Amino acid sequence: MLLGLDVIVMIAAFLAAFLWAIASRKQLRRVSHNEVIDEADLNRIIVSFNRTQVLNARAALATAIEALAAGSRHALQLSGLF
């Protein structure tokens, strides 16, 4: 059982690191107050924000799974059940 939790922790850690790296790699476009924005520009900005938010949410979920699995493993080990 502990080996299974260790595997889940490792996979979730690698997945979270990968997703955080992808999310942080994408630069959001800065907009000047003097710039005239048309519909295509606005669409690109909104899509960029949405994609970054989705990647951050997935990375946060993977981090939560990792923390839950690691906490469960340590709790089982400390309780003496395994």
N, C-alpha and C. Protein backbone atom coordinates (compact mmCIF):
# COMPACT_ATOMS: atom_id res chain seq x y z
N MET A 1 0.82 -1.20 0.00
CA MET A 1 0.00 0.00 0.00
C MET A 1 0.86 1.25 0.00
N LEU A 2 1.92 1.25 0.83
CA LEU A 2 2.80 2.42 0.88
C LEU A 2 3.52 2.63 -0.44
N LEU A 3 3.89 1.56 -1.11
CA LEU A 3 4.55 1.69 -2.41
C LEU A 3 3.60 2.33 -3.42
N GLY A 4 2.33 1.95 -3.38
CA GLY A 4 1.35 2.57 -4.26
C GLY A 4 1.20 4.05 -4.01
N LEU A 5 1.18 4.44 -2.73
CA LEU A 5 1.09 5.87 -2.40
C LEU A 5 2.35 6.61 -2.83
N ASP A 6 3.51 5.96 -2.70
CA ASP A 6 4.76 6.58 -3.16
C ASP A 6 4.73 6.83 -4.66
N VAL A 7 4.20 5.87 -5.41
CA VAL A 7 4.10 6.03 -6.87
C VAL A 7 3.15 7.18 -7.21
N ILE A 8 2.02 7.27 -6.52
CA ILE A 8 1.07 8.36 -6.76
C ILE A 8 1.72 9.71 -6.45
N VAL A 9 2.48 9.78 -5.37
CA VAL A 9 3.16 11.03 -5.01
C VAL A 9 4.13 11.43 -6.11
N MET A 10 4.93 10.47 -6.60
CA MET A 10 5.91 10.79 -7.64
C MET A 10 5.25 11.23 -8.94
N ILE A 11 4.22 10.51 -9.35
CA ILE A 11 3.54 10.86 -10.60
C ILE A 11 2.87 12.22 -10.49
N ALA A 12 2.20 12.47 -9.37
CA ALA A 12 1.53 13.76 -9.19
C ALA A 12 2.54 14.90 -9.10
N ALA A 13 3.68 14.66 -8.48
CA ALA A 13 4.71 15.70 -8.39
C ALA A 13 5.26 16.05 -9.76
N PHE A 14 5.56 15.04 -10.57
CA PHE A 14 6.05 15.29 -11.92
C PHE A 14 4.98 15.97 -12.77
N LEU A 15 3.73 15.55 -12.65
CA LEU A 15 2.65 16.17 -13.40
C LEU A 15 2.46 17.63 -12.99
N ALA A 16 2.48 17.90 -11.70
CA ALA A 16 2.33 19.28 -11.23
C ALA A 16 3.48 20.15 -11.71
N ALA A 17 4.70 19.65 -11.63
CA ALA A 17 5.85 20.42 -12.09
C ALA A 17 5.76 20.70 -13.59
N PHE A 18 5.34 19.71 -14.36
CA PHE A 18 5.18 19.88 -15.80
C PHE A 18 4.12 20.93 -16.12
N LEU A 19 2.97 20.85 -15.45
CA LEU A 19 1.89 21.81 -15.71
C LEU A 19 2.26 23.22 -15.26
N TRP A 20 2.93 23.36 -14.11
CA TRP A 20 3.36 24.70 -13.67
C TRP A 20 4.37 25.27 -14.67
N ALA A 21 5.26 24.42 -15.20
CA ALA A 21 6.24 24.90 -16.17
C ALA A 21 5.57 25.38 -17.45
N ILE A 22 4.59 24.65 -17.92
CA ILE A 22 3.87 25.08 -19.13
C ILE A 22 3.12 26.38 -18.87
N ALA A 23 2.46 26.48 -17.74
CA ALA A 23 1.69 27.69 -17.43
C ALA A 23 2.59 28.90 -17.26
N SER A 24 3.76 28.74 -16.66
CA SER A 24 4.63 29.88 -16.44
C SER A 24 5.41 30.26 -17.69
N ARG A 25 5.50 29.37 -18.65
CA ARG A 25 6.24 29.66 -19.88
C ARG A 25 5.49 30.64 -20.78
N LYS A 26 4.19 30.64 -20.72
CA LYS A 26 3.40 31.47 -21.60
C LYS A 26 3.32 32.90 -21.04
N GLN A 27 3.76 33.84 -21.84
CA GLN A 27 3.72 35.24 -21.44
C GLN A 27 2.41 35.87 -21.91
N LEU A 28 1.76 36.57 -21.00
CA LEU A 28 0.55 37.27 -21.37
C LEU A 28 0.91 38.59 -22.02
N ARG A 29 0.16 38.96 -23.03
CA ARG A 29 0.45 40.18 -23.78
C ARG A 29 0.07 41.40 -22.97
N ARG A 30 0.98 42.34 -22.89
CA ARG A 30 0.71 43.60 -22.20
C ARG A 30 0.01 44.54 -23.16
N VAL A 31 -0.93 45.31 -22.64
CA VAL A 31 -1.70 46.24 -23.45
C VAL A 31 -1.48 47.65 -22.93
N SER A 32 -1.13 48.54 -23.84
CA SER A 32 -0.94 49.95 -23.48
C SER A 32 -2.29 50.66 -23.48
N HIS A 33 -2.41 51.69 -22.66
CA HIS A 33 -3.68 52.43 -22.63
C HIS A 33 -3.87 53.26 -23.90
N ASN A 34 -2.81 53.45 -24.68
CA ASN A 34 -2.92 54.20 -25.94
C ASN A 34 -3.24 53.29 -27.12
N GLU A 35 -3.19 52.01 -26.91
CA GLU A 35 -3.37 51.05 -28.00
C GLU A 35 -4.86 50.87 -28.33
N VAL A 36 -5.12 50.78 -29.61
CA VAL A 36 -6.49 50.51 -30.08
C VAL A 36 -6.62 49.00 -30.26
N ILE A 37 -7.59 48.42 -29.58
CA ILE A 37 -7.76 46.97 -29.61
C ILE A 37 -8.98 46.63 -30.44
N ASP A 38 -8.79 45.74 -31.42
CA ASP A 38 -9.94 45.28 -32.20
C ASP A 38 -10.42 43.94 -31.65
N GLU A 39 -11.41 43.36 -32.32
CA GLU A 39 -12.01 42.12 -31.83
C GLU A 39 -11.03 40.96 -31.83
N ALA A 40 -10.17 40.88 -32.84
CA ALA A 40 -9.21 39.78 -32.91
C ALA A 40 -8.20 39.87 -31.76
N ASP A 41 -7.73 41.08 -31.46
CA ASP A 41 -6.81 41.26 -30.33
C ASP A 41 -7.48 40.87 -29.02
N LEU A 42 -8.69 41.30 -28.83
CA LEU A 42 -9.41 40.99 -27.61
C LEU A 42 -9.62 39.48 -27.47
N ASN A 43 -9.94 38.83 -28.57
CA ASN A 43 -10.12 37.38 -28.55
C ASN A 43 -8.82 36.68 -28.17
N ARG A 44 -7.69 37.08 -28.73
CA ARG A 44 -6.40 36.47 -28.40
C ARG A 44 -6.06 36.66 -26.93
N ILE A 45 -6.33 37.83 -26.39
CA ILE A 45 -6.04 38.11 -24.98
C ILE A 45 -6.89 37.23 -24.07
N ILE A 46 -8.17 37.12 -24.37
CA ILE A 46 -9.08 36.32 -23.55
C ILE A 46 -8.71 34.84 -23.62
N VAL A 47 -8.39 34.34 -24.80
CA VAL A 47 -7.99 32.94 -24.95
C VAL A 47 -6.71 32.67 -24.17
N SER A 48 -5.77 33.60 -24.21
CA SER A 48 -4.53 33.43 -23.46
C SER A 48 -4.78 33.37 -21.96
N PHE A 49 -5.62 34.26 -21.45
CA PHE A 49 -5.98 34.23 -20.03
C PHE A 49 -6.67 32.92 -19.66
N ASN A 50 -7.59 32.46 -20.48
CA ASN A 50 -8.32 31.24 -20.19
C ASN A 50 -7.42 30.01 -20.19
N ARG A 51 -6.51 29.92 -21.16
CA ARG A 51 -5.61 28.77 -21.22
C ARG A 51 -4.68 28.75 -20.02
N THR A 52 -4.17 29.90 -19.64
CA THR A 52 -3.29 29.97 -18.48
C THR A 52 -4.04 29.58 -17.21
N GLN A 53 -5.28 30.01 -17.09
CA GLN A 53 -6.07 29.68 -15.91
C GLN A 53 -6.35 28.18 -15.84
N VAL A 54 -6.63 27.56 -16.98
CA VAL A 54 -6.89 26.12 -17.01
C VAL A 54 -5.63 25.35 -16.61
N LEU A 55 -4.46 25.75 -17.15
CA LEU A 55 -3.22 25.07 -16.80
C LEU A 55 -2.90 25.25 -15.31
N ASN A 56 -3.12 26.43 -14.78
CA ASN A 56 -2.88 26.65 -13.35
C ASN A 56 -3.83 25.82 -12.49
N ALA A 57 -5.07 25.70 -12.92
CA ALA A 57 -6.03 24.89 -12.16
C ALA A 57 -5.63 23.41 -12.18
N ARG A 58 -5.17 22.91 -13.32
CA ARG A 58 -4.74 21.51 -13.40
C ARG A 58 -3.50 21.26 -12.53
N ALA A 59 -2.58 22.21 -12.55
CA ALA A 59 -1.37 22.08 -11.74
C ALA A 59 -1.73 22.11 -10.25
N ALA A 60 -2.65 22.97 -9.87
CA ALA A 60 -3.07 23.03 -8.47
C ALA A 60 -3.76 21.73 -8.06
N LEU A 61 -4.55 21.14 -8.93
CA LEU A 61 -5.19 19.86 -8.63
C LEU A 61 -4.15 18.74 -8.47
N ALA A 62 -3.16 18.71 -9.36
CA ALA A 62 -2.11 17.70 -9.24
C ALA A 62 -1.33 17.88 -7.94
N THR A 63 -1.09 19.13 -7.55
CA THR A 63 -0.40 19.40 -6.30
C THR A 63 -1.23 18.95 -5.10
N ALA A 64 -2.53 19.16 -5.17
CA ALA A 64 -3.42 18.72 -4.09
C ALA A 64 -3.44 17.20 -3.98
N ILE A 65 -3.46 16.51 -5.10
CA ILE A 65 -3.42 15.04 -5.09
C ILE A 65 -2.11 14.56 -4.49
N GLU A 66 -1.03 15.21 -4.89
CA GLU A 66 0.29 14.85 -4.35
C GLU A 66 0.34 15.03 -2.84
N ALA A 67 -0.16 16.16 -2.36
CA ALA A 67 -0.15 16.42 -0.92
C ALA A 67 -1.04 15.43 -0.16
N LEU A 68 -2.19 15.11 -0.71
CA LEU A 68 -3.09 14.15 -0.08
C LEU A 68 -2.46 12.75 0.00
N ALA A 69 -1.83 12.33 -1.10
CA ALA A 69 -1.20 11.01 -1.11
C ALA A 69 0.00 10.96 -0.15
N ALA A 70 0.79 12.03 -0.14
CA ALA A 70 1.95 12.06 0.76
C ALA A 70 1.49 12.09 2.22
N GLY A 71 0.47 12.88 2.52
CA GLY A 71 -0.05 12.92 3.87
C GLY A 71 -0.64 11.60 4.31
N SER A 72 -1.35 10.93 3.41
CA SER A 72 -1.92 9.62 3.73
C SER A 72 -0.83 8.59 3.99
N ARG A 73 0.22 8.64 3.17
CA ARG A 73 1.32 7.70 3.35
C ARG A 73 1.99 7.89 4.71
N HIS A 74 2.25 9.12 5.06
CA HIS A 74 2.92 9.39 6.34
C HIS A 74 1.99 9.07 7.52
N ALA A 75 0.70 9.33 7.37
CA ALA A 75 -0.24 9.01 8.45
C ALA A 75 -0.32 7.50 8.66
N LEU A 76 -0.35 6.73 7.57
CA LEU A 76 -0.37 5.27 7.70
C LEU A 76 0.91 4.74 8.32
N GLN A 77 2.03 5.34 7.93
CA GLN A 77 3.31 4.89 8.49
C GLN A 77 3.41 5.23 9.97
N LEU A 78 2.95 6.41 10.35
CA LEU A 78 3.01 6.80 11.76
C LEU A 78 2.03 6.01 12.62
N SER A 79 0.91 5.63 12.05
CA SER A 79 -0.08 4.88 12.82
C SER A 79 0.35 3.43 13.05
N GLY A 80 1.32 2.99 12.29
CA GLY A 80 1.81 1.63 12.45
C GLY A 80 0.98 0.58 11.73
N LEU A 81 0.06 1.01 10.89
CA LEU A 81 -0.77 0.04 10.16
C LEU A 81 0.03 -0.64 9.05
N PHE A 82 1.00 0.06 8.48
CA PHE A 82 1.81 -0.51 7.38
C PHE A 82 3.26 -0.23 7.62
